[in-house]
């Protein structure tokens, strides 16, 4: 019997979608273990992620939930099956809630393989971070403030720079924040990392690719500017000026991988979405592209949260949001929790595009 763990987001839609997944699994008679937050929402007994012991962990929700779950799992290498609750595939989600019934038989019959994804770790003042799937960033705590640092590779000085920040991204993370600030897209099978300066004052500073075995060290961070290290966009830690050492984690993240033909069919909409999005955002300024990417990556956010996540000045964020609203790429609504605040979210580009075609 296969033991399957279930993690779900906190929204009503995500909880309902996770219930559907549980119903499908129970048809096969396998054991279902609930993560405690999801268990509380459905009045079941649950287990904390630190203690969960399962053969497969299904995560129903968004990229943000996936990244947060992996951080909480730490060094555990349980095979992960992310299921998108958005109704369409995403960069880390081949399977959607609507397509799950088409792959569950393969899942239960173990007709899948393990897809290892390289992760990073950061040594911050002697404390080792949990494994990081996407990226590690260094930024000034206050937005629109330059940080100054020296970059060392395998103990050798490589450059000294002043910039808005510095990103070290895995191949998986190369399509996330890194891509928004000009980093290269890297195939998941490539044994490399991308090092991406964010808005360097030196125009000759470009992203570089290094072998995954490289020890990346950031030294001599300017003490006059409070600096934070940001782990997968989820954890922020103050850096006290001591060197920060980043290197490959010993523990990969393991994803459940299905037959290529089946995955290609499931991801058809994602490719379509990427093509449509590229056409729509081609002429937008970098700040607007970054805000759009952050909304896609994190889900709906308030104006304040967008400033915190992107580290852009408030005025720049306001301008970016106005452009995205005028282009019909995002939508705005009043927060039900606080009527004084607005929430911004990406519009379902595929659905909008297909509706427009139908109208014609």
Protein backbone atom coordinates (compact mmCIF):
# COMPACT_ATOMS: atom_id res chain seq x y z
CA UNK A 1 0.00 0.00 0.00
CA UNK A 2 1.26 3.45 -0.94
CA UNK A 3 1.25 6.15 1.73
CA UNK A 4 0.33 9.48 0.16
CA UNK A 5 0.60 12.79 1.97
CA UNK A 6 -1.60 15.77 1.11
CA UNK A 7 -0.71 19.44 1.55
CA UNK A 8 -3.16 22.15 0.48
CA UNK A 9 -3.33 25.91 0.44
CA UNK A 10 -5.67 27.86 2.68
CA UNK A 11 -8.11 29.18 0.09
CA UNK A 12 -11.53 27.57 -0.23
CA UNK A 13 -10.76 26.55 -3.82
CA UNK A 14 -7.49 24.87 -2.87
CA UNK A 15 -9.10 23.02 0.03
CA UNK A 16 -11.97 21.81 -2.18
CA UNK A 17 -9.52 20.73 -4.88
CA UNK A 18 -7.46 18.80 -2.33
CA UNK A 19 -10.63 17.01 -1.19
CA UNK A 20 -11.18 15.91 -4.80
CA UNK A 21 -7.65 14.51 -4.89
CA UNK A 22 -8.28 12.59 -1.67
CA UNK A 23 -11.49 11.12 -3.09
CA UNK A 24 -9.66 9.88 -6.18
CA UNK A 25 -6.86 8.32 -4.13
CA UNK A 26 -9.25 6.54 -1.78
CA UNK A 27 -10.84 4.78 -4.75
CA UNK A 28 -7.58 2.83 -5.00
CA UNK A 29 -7.54 1.95 -1.30
CA UNK A 30 -4.24 3.68 -0.54
CA UNK A 31 -3.49 5.38 2.76
CA UNK A 32 -3.82 9.16 2.91
CA UNK A 33 -1.84 11.22 5.44
CA UNK A 34 -2.98 14.82 5.96
CA UNK A 35 -0.61 17.69 6.67
CA UNK A 36 -1.89 19.29 9.86
CA UNK A 37 -3.05 22.64 8.41
CA UNK A 38 -5.11 20.89 5.74
CA UNK A 39 -6.33 18.39 8.33
CA UNK A 40 -7.63 21.22 10.53
CA UNK A 41 -9.62 22.59 7.60
CA UNK A 42 -11.38 19.28 6.99
CA UNK A 43 -11.65 18.18 10.65
CA UNK A 44 -9.24 15.28 10.29
CA UNK A 45 -6.18 14.19 12.22
CA UNK A 46 -2.99 15.57 10.72
CA UNK A 47 0.79 15.36 10.89
CA UNK A 48 3.31 18.20 10.89
CA UNK A 49 5.58 18.30 7.85
CA UNK A 50 8.62 17.74 10.06
CA UNK A 51 7.23 14.35 11.06
CA UNK A 52 5.46 13.30 7.87
CA UNK A 53 6.52 9.89 6.56
CA UNK A 54 5.00 9.12 3.17
CA UNK A 55 5.95 7.61 -0.19
CA UNK A 56 4.63 10.56 -2.21
CA UNK A 57 3.67 14.07 -1.11
CA UNK A 58 0.96 15.80 -3.17
CA UNK A 59 0.86 19.59 -2.92
CA UNK A 60 -2.37 21.21 -4.10
CA UNK A 61 -2.04 24.95 -4.58
CA UNK A 62 0.47 27.39 -5.99
CA UNK A 63 4.20 27.88 -6.53
CA UNK A 64 4.39 29.77 -3.26
CA UNK A 65 2.90 26.85 -1.31
CA UNK A 66 5.27 24.43 -3.03
CA UNK A 67 8.34 26.50 -2.14
CA UNK A 68 7.19 26.99 1.44
CA UNK A 69 6.49 23.27 1.83
CA UNK A 70 9.93 22.30 0.52
CA UNK A 71 11.55 24.74 2.95
CA UNK A 72 9.64 23.19 5.85
CA UNK A 73 10.55 19.68 4.73
CA UNK A 74 14.21 20.66 4.90
CA UNK A 75 16.52 17.82 3.89
CA UNK A 76 13.73 15.29 3.33
CA UNK A 77 13.71 13.92 -0.21
CA UNK A 78 10.12 12.68 -0.47
CA UNK A 79 8.93 12.56 -4.11
CA UNK A 80 6.71 15.59 -4.71
CA UNK A 81 3.68 15.80 -7.01
CA UNK A 82 2.51 19.42 -7.32
CA UNK A 83 -1.08 19.88 -8.53
CA UNK A 84 -2.11 23.32 -9.72
CA UNK A 85 -5.35 24.68 -8.36
CA UNK A 86 -5.40 27.44 -10.98
CA UNK A 87 -7.01 25.37 -13.72
CA UNK A 88 -3.93 25.46 -15.92
CA UNK A 89 -0.36 24.15 -15.73
CA UNK A 90 2.38 26.32 -14.26
CA UNK A 91 6.17 26.22 -14.44
CA UNK A 92 6.44 23.83 -11.49
CA UNK A 93 3.03 22.21 -11.97
CA UNK A 94 2.58 19.80 -14.87
CA UNK A 95 -0.67 18.45 -13.39
CA UNK A 96 -3.83 20.48 -12.75
CA UNK A 97 -6.80 19.52 -10.65
CA UNK A 98 -8.80 18.85 -13.82
CA UNK A 99 -6.11 16.60 -15.34
CA UNK A 100 -5.36 14.67 -12.13
CA UNK A 101 -7.89 11.86 -12.90
CA UNK A 102 -6.00 11.16 -16.15
CA UNK A 103 -2.71 10.41 -14.36
CA UNK A 104 -3.83 8.85 -11.08
CA UNK A 105 -3.72 5.32 -12.49
CA UNK A 106 -0.09 5.81 -13.51
CA UNK A 107 0.61 7.29 -10.08
CA UNK A 108 -0.86 4.33 -8.22
CA UNK A 109 0.72 1.77 -10.54
CA UNK A 110 4.10 3.46 -10.01
CA UNK A 111 4.41 4.27 -13.71
CA UNK A 112 6.49 7.33 -12.98
CA UNK A 113 10.12 8.18 -12.45
CA UNK A 114 11.99 10.46 -10.09
CA UNK A 115 12.97 13.87 -11.46
CA UNK A 116 15.76 15.30 -9.25
CA UNK A 117 16.11 19.08 -9.09
CA UNK A 118 19.29 20.71 -7.85
CA UNK A 119 18.99 22.90 -4.76
CA UNK A 120 21.21 25.45 -3.03
CA UNK A 121 22.22 26.09 0.55
CA UNK A 122 23.54 29.26 2.13
CA UNK A 123 25.90 29.51 5.07
CA UNK A 124 24.92 32.73 6.84
CA UNK A 125 27.12 33.65 9.79
CA UNK A 126 27.73 29.97 10.47
CA UNK A 127 24.07 28.94 10.16
CA UNK A 128 23.19 26.65 7.26
CA UNK A 129 19.92 27.36 5.47
CA UNK A 130 17.48 24.64 4.42
CA UNK A 131 17.84 23.53 0.78
CA UNK A 132 16.58 26.17 -1.68
CA UNK A 133 14.84 25.12 -4.90
CA UNK A 134 14.74 28.36 -6.90
CA UNK A 135 17.06 31.13 -5.86
CA UNK A 136 18.95 32.96 -3.16
CA UNK A 137 19.03 36.74 -3.32
CA UNK A 138 20.92 39.50 -1.55
CA UNK A 139 19.17 42.87 -1.36
CA UNK A 140 19.22 46.03 0.67
CA UNK A 141 16.53 45.99 3.35
CA UNK A 142 15.35 49.38 2.11
CA UNK A 143 14.25 49.43 -1.52
CA UNK A 144 16.02 51.60 -4.12
CA UNK A 145 19.28 51.32 -2.17
CA UNK A 146 22.52 49.98 -3.64
CA UNK A 147 24.47 47.22 -1.96
CA UNK A 148 28.21 46.88 -2.47
CA UNK A 149 29.93 43.53 -2.31
CA UNK A 150 32.75 41.38 -3.66
CA UNK A 151 32.03 38.11 -5.45
CA UNK A 152 34.40 35.18 -4.99
CA UNK A 153 34.21 31.89 -6.90
CA UNK A 154 35.99 28.91 -5.34
CA UNK A 155 37.95 31.31 -3.16
CA UNK A 156 39.15 33.49 -6.03
CA UNK A 157 37.98 37.12 -6.48
CA UNK A 158 35.74 37.48 -9.52
CA UNK A 159 34.27 40.98 -9.35
CA UNK A 160 33.48 43.87 -7.05
CA UNK A 161 30.15 45.55 -7.70
CA UNK A 162 27.41 47.89 -6.62
CA UNK A 163 23.86 46.95 -7.57
CA UNK A 164 20.27 46.67 -6.39
CA UNK A 165 20.98 43.06 -5.52
CA UNK A 166 22.47 39.73 -6.51
CA UNK A 167 20.68 36.48 -7.38
CA UNK A 168 22.05 32.95 -7.45
CA UNK A 169 19.55 30.72 -9.25
CA UNK A 170 19.25 27.01 -9.91
CA UNK A 171 18.12 25.73 -13.32
CA UNK A 172 14.60 25.38 -11.87
CA UNK A 173 14.75 28.94 -10.54
CA UNK A 174 16.06 30.36 -13.81
CA UNK A 175 12.46 30.82 -15.06
CA UNK A 176 11.41 32.69 -11.91
CA UNK A 177 12.75 35.96 -10.46
CA UNK A 178 16.09 35.48 -12.24
CA UNK A 179 14.48 35.61 -15.68
CA UNK A 180 12.60 38.79 -14.76
CA UNK A 181 15.85 40.65 -14.09
CA UNK A 182 17.62 39.49 -17.25
CA UNK A 183 18.98 36.10 -16.23
CA UNK A 184 19.24 33.22 -18.72
CA UNK A 185 16.79 30.32 -18.92
CA UNK A 186 18.67 27.14 -18.00
CA UNK A 187 17.56 23.59 -18.75
CA UNK A 188 16.78 21.56 -15.64
CA UNK A 189 19.29 18.91 -16.68
CA UNK A 190 22.19 21.38 -16.82
CA UNK A 191 24.62 21.00 -13.90
CA UNK A 192 25.09 24.75 -13.44
CA UNK A 193 23.95 27.81 -11.49
CA UNK A 194 23.22 31.31 -12.76
CA UNK A 195 24.66 34.34 -10.96
CA UNK A 196 22.65 37.43 -11.87
CA UNK A 197 23.47 40.99 -10.76
CA UNK A 198 20.31 43.08 -10.40
CA UNK A 199 20.65 46.53 -12.00
CA UNK A 200 24.40 46.83 -11.58
CA UNK A 201 25.97 50.29 -11.77
CA UNK A 202 28.60 48.73 -14.03
CA UNK A 203 27.14 48.12 -17.52
CA UNK A 204 29.71 45.38 -18.14
CA UNK A 205 28.24 43.22 -15.37
CA UNK A 206 26.22 40.47 -17.00
CA UNK A 207 24.76 37.21 -15.70
CA UNK A 208 27.25 34.36 -15.58
CA UNK A 209 26.88 30.59 -15.56
CA UNK A 210 29.06 28.52 -13.24
CA UNK A 211 29.36 24.75 -12.67
CA UNK A 212 27.09 23.53 -9.89
CA UNK A 213 30.11 22.47 -7.82
CA UNK A 214 31.31 26.07 -7.55
CA UNK A 215 31.47 27.67 -4.11
CA UNK A 216 29.95 31.14 -4.44
CA UNK A 217 31.00 33.57 -1.73
CA UNK A 218 29.86 37.14 -1.15
CA UNK A 219 32.30 39.14 0.93
CA UNK A 220 32.72 42.70 2.17
CA UNK A 221 29.06 43.64 2.07
CA UNK A 222 28.76 47.34 2.82
CA UNK A 223 27.94 47.63 6.53
CA UNK A 224 26.37 51.06 6.09
CA UNK A 225 23.44 49.51 4.19
CA UNK A 226 21.28 46.96 6.06
CA UNK A 227 21.24 43.88 3.83
CA UNK A 228 18.99 40.83 3.74
CA UNK A 229 19.35 37.42 2.19
CA UNK A 230 16.11 36.17 0.66
CA UNK A 231 15.58 32.41 0.35
CA UNK A 232 13.13 31.34 -2.37
CA UNK A 233 11.18 34.54 -1.78
CA UNK A 234 9.89 33.04 1.49
CA UNK A 235 12.50 33.65 4.19
CA UNK A 236 14.34 36.92 4.82
CA UNK A 237 17.37 36.99 7.10
CA UNK A 238 19.51 39.98 8.06
CA UNK A 239 23.14 39.70 6.98
CA UNK A 240 25.58 41.11 9.52
CA UNK A 241 28.46 41.73 7.11
CA UNK A 242 30.05 38.30 7.47
CA UNK A 243 30.76 36.39 4.24
CA UNK A 244 27.82 34.47 2.80
CA UNK A 245 28.75 31.14 1.21
CA UNK A 246 26.36 29.54 -1.28
CA UNK A 247 26.82 26.10 -2.78
CA UNK A 248 24.97 23.07 -4.07
CA UNK A 249 22.89 21.23 -1.50
CA UNK A 250 23.57 17.56 -0.92
CA UNK A 251 19.82 16.93 -1.09
CA UNK A 252 17.97 17.37 -4.38
CA UNK A 253 14.25 18.02 -4.52
CA UNK A 254 12.57 14.98 -6.08
CA UNK A 255 9.57 15.50 -8.35
CA UNK A 256 7.23 12.85 -9.70
CA UNK A 257 7.68 12.62 -13.47
CA UNK A 258 5.22 10.94 -15.82
CA UNK A 259 5.54 9.71 -19.39
CA UNK A 260 6.83 12.48 -21.67
CA UNK A 261 3.91 12.25 -24.11
CA UNK A 262 1.39 12.57 -21.31
CA UNK A 263 3.27 15.48 -19.79
CA UNK A 264 3.50 17.19 -23.18
CA UNK A 265 -0.27 17.04 -23.50
CA UNK A 266 -0.74 18.39 -19.99
CA UNK A 267 1.70 21.24 -20.60
CA UNK A 268 0.26 22.29 -23.94
CA UNK A 269 -1.60 25.18 -22.36
CA UNK A 270 1.51 26.33 -20.53
CA UNK A 271 3.42 26.71 -23.78
CA UNK A 272 0.48 28.58 -25.25
CA UNK A 273 0.39 30.82 -22.21
CA UNK A 274 4.11 31.57 -22.51
CA UNK A 275 3.74 32.54 -26.17
CA UNK A 276 0.74 34.78 -25.52
CA UNK A 277 2.39 36.41 -22.51
CA UNK A 278 5.60 37.12 -24.42
CA UNK A 279 3.64 38.88 -27.15
CA UNK A 280 1.74 40.99 -24.64
CA UNK A 281 4.65 42.06 -22.42
CA UNK A 282 7.30 42.53 -25.11
CA UNK A 283 7.23 46.34 -24.99
CA UNK A 284 6.73 46.75 -21.24
CA UNK A 285 9.53 48.24 -19.09
CA UNK A 286 11.53 45.84 -16.88
CA UNK A 287 9.76 47.02 -13.72
CA UNK A 288 6.34 46.09 -15.12
CA UNK A 289 7.65 42.70 -16.28
CA UNK A 290 9.05 42.06 -12.80
CA UNK A 291 5.76 42.97 -11.11
CA UNK A 292 3.83 40.75 -13.54
CA UNK A 293 6.22 37.86 -12.92
CA UNK A 294 5.90 38.31 -9.17
CA UNK A 295 2.09 38.19 -9.38
CA UNK A 296 2.30 35.04 -11.48
CA UNK A 297 4.79 33.54 -9.05
CA UNK A 298 3.20 34.58 -5.74
CA UNK A 299 -0.50 34.94 -6.55
CA UNK A 300 -2.55 37.99 -5.60
CA UNK A 301 -0.72 40.67 -3.62
CA UNK A 302 -1.37 44.10 -2.15
CA UNK A 303 0.56 47.18 -3.26
CA UNK A 304 2.66 46.98 -0.09
CA UNK A 305 3.42 43.29 -0.61
CA UNK A 306 4.51 43.93 -4.21
CA UNK A 307 6.95 46.59 -2.98
CA UNK A 308 8.33 44.16 -0.38
CA UNK A 309 8.63 41.26 -2.82
CA UNK A 310 10.13 43.17 -5.76
CA UNK A 311 12.10 45.69 -3.66
CA UNK A 312 11.12 48.38 -6.17
CA UNK A 313 10.37 51.96 -5.04
CA UNK A 314 6.65 52.64 -4.34
CA UNK A 315 6.45 55.12 -7.21
CA UNK A 316 7.87 52.56 -9.66
CA UNK A 317 5.40 49.92 -8.46
CA UNK A 318 2.47 52.32 -8.90
CA UNK A 319 3.59 53.07 -12.46
CA UNK A 320 4.09 49.38 -13.26
CA UNK A 321 0.65 48.49 -11.92
CA UNK A 322 -1.01 51.26 -13.92
CA UNK A 323 0.64 49.97 -17.10
CA UNK A 324 -0.35 46.36 -16.42
CA UNK A 325 -3.93 47.39 -15.66
CA UNK A 326 -4.16 49.45 -18.84
CA UNK A 327 -2.82 46.50 -20.87
CA UNK A 328 -5.40 44.18 -19.33
CA UNK A 329 -2.75 41.85 -17.90
CA UNK A 330 -3.80 42.15 -14.27
CA UNK A 331 -6.97 42.84 -12.34
CA UNK A 332 -7.61 44.86 -9.20
CA UNK A 333 -10.17 44.29 -6.48
CA UNK A 334 -10.83 45.46 -2.95
CA UNK A 335 -9.45 43.24 -0.19
CA UNK A 336 -12.22 41.60 1.81
CA UNK A 337 -9.99 41.61 4.89
CA UNK A 338 -9.20 45.31 4.68
CA UNK A 339 -11.40 47.51 2.51
CA UNK A 340 -8.70 50.18 2.46
CA UNK A 341 -6.37 47.95 0.46
CA UNK A 342 -6.52 46.65 -3.09
CA UNK A 343 -5.40 43.22 -4.27
CA UNK A 344 -3.72 42.76 -7.64
CA UNK A 345 -3.68 39.47 -9.54
CA UNK A 346 -2.83 38.17 -12.99
CA UNK A 347 -5.68 37.65 -15.40
CA UNK A 348 -6.04 34.15 -16.86
CA UNK A 349 -4.38 35.03 -20.15
CA UNK A 350 -5.36 31.83 -21.90
CA UNK A 351 -9.02 32.15 -20.99
CA UNK A 352 -9.10 35.82 -21.97
CA UNK A 353 -7.43 35.07 -25.30
CA UNK A 354 -9.84 32.23 -26.09
CA UNK A 355 -12.84 34.37 -25.09
CA UNK A 356 -11.66 37.08 -27.47
CA UNK A 357 -11.37 34.54 -30.29
CA UNK A 358 -14.87 33.26 -29.58
CA UNK A 359 -16.21 36.81 -29.63
CA UNK A 360 -14.73 37.31 -33.08
